Amino acid sequence: MRFADINVPTEQVKDTFLPKADALLKLHITGTEVTLEKFMNFSADLIDAFYQLSAKRIPLMQILENLKTTEANWSYVANFRDSTMTILKEFLVDGAKDQTKEQSIRRILSEEMENLDRLNNQRNDLKKALHKEVMVYVELCVRTHKDLTLKLLPVLTNIRDELNLPIDSDLYQDLMINTSHRHEKSFKIFQETISGLSETSA
């Protein structure tokens, strides 16, 4: 579920997952061919999910990077605007009569205010786009987690059978489904909370 947290760089997610996935592929199981086949199928599904989620994550990270750049530009222009306003105030307090200079300062100030409005609109658009895409992506992560959890069941069943540790597959599947439902419920609460915050700040 680290995939769902876009504040975690993709490289860190890869550094966490890939060594474990590689270890799974190299793992030797003392068991029947059926168990080994199911285990390898699950490993393939796991790696496939990793690459799919990684690919879906790229546009999110691009939007996030654009948002950070826009916010940095907004801060820079805001500081420049404040400096220009200070210069204008000092100019007026000194009682200077140079109208050409005053007009130049006011023109620069007006351009900076327009740039701030443009950057602010751009920032708001990026925030809305990011929020929308994050909701879709987190839902995909929750659904992928549920699917992988269910695919793991036959692997565990075979392994426990070979170890003479029988498992009630139906009961275990119910437990997995209930856990997945809890994740989905938590996600819906998360969606409602984030949506509420977005409407409040709009």
Protein backbone atom coordinates (compact mmCIF):
# COMPACT_ATOMS: atom_id res chain seq x y z
CA MET A 1 0.00 0.00 0.00
CA ARG A 2 3.06 2.29 -0.06
CA PHE A 3 2.15 2.81 -3.72
CA ALA A 4 -0.89 4.82 -2.63
CA ASP A 5 1.22 7.38 -0.75
CA ILE A 6 2.45 9.77 -3.45
CA ASN A 7 4.66 11.51 -0.90
CA VAL A 8 6.87 8.40 -1.01
CA PRO A 9 9.17 8.65 -4.07
CA THR A 10 8.73 5.84 -6.59
CA GLU A 11 12.38 4.86 -6.22
CA GLN A 12 11.84 4.20 -2.51
CA VAL A 13 8.82 2.03 -3.33
CA LYS A 14 10.93 0.07 -5.82
CA ASP A 15 13.78 -0.28 -3.33
CA THR A 16 11.33 -1.78 -0.85
CA PHE A 17 9.59 -4.14 -3.25
CA LEU A 18 12.11 -5.39 -5.82
CA PRO A 19 14.54 -7.15 -3.43
CA LYS A 20 11.61 -9.02 -1.87
CA ALA A 21 10.18 -9.94 -5.27
CA ASP A 22 13.58 -11.17 -6.39
CA ALA A 23 13.85 -13.29 -3.24
CA LEU A 24 10.44 -14.81 -3.98
CA LEU A 25 11.54 -15.83 -7.44
CA LYS A 26 14.68 -17.50 -6.06
CA LEU A 27 12.86 -19.24 -3.24
CA HIS A 28 12.91 -23.03 -3.46
CA ILE A 29 9.90 -24.84 -2.03
CA THR A 30 10.06 -28.42 -0.91
CA GLY A 31 6.69 -29.55 -2.13
CA THR A 32 4.68 -30.89 -4.99
CA GLU A 33 4.73 -29.50 -8.48
CA VAL A 34 1.20 -28.21 -7.93
CA THR A 35 2.27 -26.10 -4.96
CA LEU A 36 5.33 -24.82 -6.78
CA GLU A 37 3.24 -23.92 -9.83
CA LYS A 38 0.71 -22.03 -7.75
CA PHE A 39 3.48 -20.24 -5.87
CA MET A 40 5.21 -19.19 -9.10
CA ASN A 41 1.90 -18.04 -10.57
CA PHE A 42 1.30 -15.88 -7.52
CA SER A 43 4.84 -14.45 -7.77
CA ALA A 44 4.15 -13.57 -11.41
CA ASP A 45 0.86 -11.91 -10.46
CA LEU A 46 2.62 -9.96 -7.73
CA ILE A 47 5.32 -8.65 -10.06
CA ASP A 48 2.74 -7.87 -12.73
CA ALA A 49 0.75 -5.82 -10.20
CA PHE A 50 3.93 -3.99 -9.22
CA TYR A 51 4.67 -2.89 -12.78
CA GLN A 52 1.06 -1.93 -13.46
CA LEU A 53 0.85 0.20 -10.31
CA SER A 54 4.25 1.72 -11.10
CA ALA A 55 3.07 2.71 -14.58
CA LYS A 56 -0.16 4.21 -13.22
CA ARG A 57 1.86 6.14 -10.63
CA ILE A 58 3.96 8.04 -13.20
CA PRO A 59 1.28 10.59 -14.23
CA LEU A 60 0.52 11.27 -10.56
CA MET A 61 4.15 12.01 -9.81
CA GLN A 62 4.31 14.32 -12.84
CA ILE A 63 1.31 16.30 -11.61
CA LEU A 64 2.82 16.44 -8.13
CA GLU A 65 6.14 17.69 -9.54
CA ASN A 66 4.34 20.35 -11.60
CA LEU A 67 2.44 21.43 -8.49
CA LYS A 68 5.66 21.77 -6.49
CA THR A 69 7.24 23.82 -9.28
CA THR A 70 4.17 26.07 -9.53
CA GLU A 71 4.11 26.62 -5.77
CA ALA A 72 7.83 27.48 -5.81
CA ASN A 73 7.23 29.97 -8.64
CA TRP A 74 4.28 31.47 -6.77
CA SER A 75 6.39 31.96 -3.65
CA TYR A 76 9.16 33.59 -5.68
CA VAL A 77 6.77 36.02 -7.41
CA ALA A 78 4.99 36.75 -4.09
CA ASN A 79 8.31 37.71 -2.49
CA PHE A 80 9.16 39.88 -5.49
CA ARG A 81 5.73 41.55 -5.26
CA ASP A 82 6.28 42.30 -1.56
CA SER A 83 9.65 43.85 -2.35
CA THR A 84 8.10 45.99 -5.09
CA MET A 85 5.32 47.15 -2.74
CA THR A 86 7.96 48.12 -0.17
CA ILE A 87 9.82 50.14 -2.81
CA LEU A 88 6.60 51.88 -3.85
CA LYS A 89 5.71 52.75 -0.24
CA GLU A 90 9.17 54.16 0.40
CA PHE A 91 8.95 56.13 -2.83
CA LEU A 92 5.61 57.65 -1.84
CA VAL A 93 6.69 58.35 1.76
CA ASP A 94 9.75 60.22 0.52
CA GLY A 95 7.42 62.46 -1.45
CA ALA A 96 9.23 61.85 -4.70
CA LYS A 97 7.72 63.62 -7.73
CA ASP A 98 9.19 61.40 -10.44
CA GLN A 99 5.95 60.23 -12.07
CA THR A 100 7.77 58.18 -14.69
CA LYS A 101 9.52 56.14 -11.98
CA GLU A 102 6.30 55.78 -10.01
CA GLN A 103 4.46 54.56 -13.10
CA SER A 104 7.24 52.04 -13.79
CA ILE A 105 7.01 50.68 -10.24
CA ARG A 106 3.21 50.45 -10.44
CA ARG A 107 3.42 48.73 -13.83
CA ILE A 108 5.86 46.15 -12.46
CA LEU A 109 3.62 45.64 -9.43
CA SER A 110 0.58 45.15 -11.67
CA GLU A 111 2.41 42.56 -13.78
CA GLU A 112 3.44 40.69 -10.64
CA MET A 113 -0.14 40.65 -9.37
CA GLU A 114 -1.29 39.25 -12.72
CA ASN A 115 1.43 36.58 -12.55
CA LEU A 116 0.32 35.65 -9.03
CA ASP A 117 -3.29 35.30 -10.18
CA ARG A 118 -2.21 33.13 -13.11
CA LEU A 119 0.00 30.94 -10.91
CA ASN A 120 -2.71 30.67 -8.27
CA ASN A 121 -5.22 29.48 -10.88
CA GLN A 122 -2.67 27.04 -12.23
CA ARG A 123 -1.95 25.78 -8.72
CA ASN A 124 -5.66 25.27 -8.00
CA ASP A 125 -6.14 23.39 -11.28
CA LEU A 126 -3.21 21.10 -10.47
CA LYS A 127 -4.53 20.44 -6.96
CA LYS A 128 -7.93 19.47 -8.35
CA ALA A 129 -6.36 17.22 -10.98
CA LEU A 130 -4.09 15.60 -8.39
CA HIS A 131 -6.96 15.00 -5.99
CA LYS A 132 -9.05 13.35 -8.70
CA GLU A 133 -6.22 11.11 -9.90
CA VAL A 134 -5.15 10.16 -6.37
CA MET A 135 -8.69 8.99 -5.55
CA VAL A 136 -8.74 6.75 -8.64
CA TYR A 137 -5.23 5.46 -7.94
CA VAL A 138 -5.80 4.65 -4.27
CA GLU A 139 -8.95 2.76 -5.25
CA LEU A 140 -6.87 0.78 -7.75
CA CYS A 141 -4.32 0.00 -5.02
CA VAL A 142 -7.05 -1.24 -2.67
CA ARG A 143 -8.59 -3.39 -5.40
CA THR A 144 -5.19 -4.81 -6.39
CA HIS A 145 -4.43 -5.64 -2.77
CA LYS A 146 -7.75 -7.48 -2.50
CA ASP A 147 -7.12 -9.46 -5.70
CA LEU A 148 -3.62 -10.48 -4.62
CA THR A 149 -4.87 -11.50 -1.19
CA LEU A 150 -7.41 -13.86 -2.74
CA LYS A 151 -4.83 -15.25 -5.17
CA LEU A 152 -2.59 -16.07 -2.23
CA LEU A 153 -5.17 -18.40 -0.67
CA PRO A 154 -4.57 -21.51 -2.88
CA VAL A 155 -0.83 -21.15 -2.35
CA LEU A 156 -1.20 -21.12 1.43
CA THR A 157 -3.68 -23.98 1.29
CA ASN A 158 -1.29 -26.23 -0.65
CA ILE A 159 1.70 -25.37 1.52
CA ARG A 160 -0.20 -26.10 4.74
CA ASP A 161 -1.59 -29.33 3.34
CA GLU A 162 1.91 -30.56 2.55
CA LEU A 163 3.03 -29.63 6.05
CA ASN A 164 0.08 -31.59 7.46
CA LEU A 165 -1.38 -28.36 8.76
CA PRO A 166 -4.84 -28.45 7.19
CA ILE A 167 -6.64 -25.18 6.75
CA ASP A 168 -10.31 -24.41 6.35
CA SER A 169 -10.13 -22.71 2.94
CA ASP A 170 -13.65 -21.33 3.14
CA LEU A 171 -13.05 -19.85 6.58
CA TYR A 172 -9.68 -18.41 5.55
CA GLN A 173 -11.18 -16.95 2.40
CA ASP A 174 -13.92 -15.32 4.47
CA LEU A 175 -11.27 -13.81 6.71
CA MET A 176 -9.40 -12.45 3.70
CA ILE A 177 -12.57 -11.02 2.19
CA ASN A 178 -13.53 -9.41 5.49
CA THR A 179 -10.09 -7.85 5.73
CA SER A 180 -10.41 -6.55 2.18
CA HIS A 181 -13.83 -5.12 2.98
CA ARG A 182 -12.30 -3.30 5.94
CA HIS A 183 -9.67 -1.82 3.62
CA GLU A 184 -12.39 -0.74 1.20
CA LYS A 185 -14.42 0.79 4.03
CA SER A 186 -11.36 2.68 5.27
CA PHE A 187 -10.73 3.90 1.74
CA LYS A 188 -14.31 5.19 1.38
CA ILE A 189 -13.96 7.06 4.67
CA PHE A 190 -10.68 8.45 3.39
CA GLN A 191 -12.38 9.53 0.13
CA GLU A 192 -15.22 11.26 1.99
CA THR A 193 -12.82 13.01 4.35
CA ILE A 194 -10.54 14.26 1.57
CA SER A 195 -13.49 15.33 -0.57
CA GLY A 196 -14.92 17.25 2.38
CA LEU A 197 -11.63 19.01 2.98
CA SER A 198 -11.37 19.91 -0.71
CA GLU A 199 -14.86 21.42 -0.74
CA THR A 200 -14.07 23.41 2.40
CA SER A 201 -10.85 24.84 0.98
CA ALA A 202 -12.43 25.60 -2.42
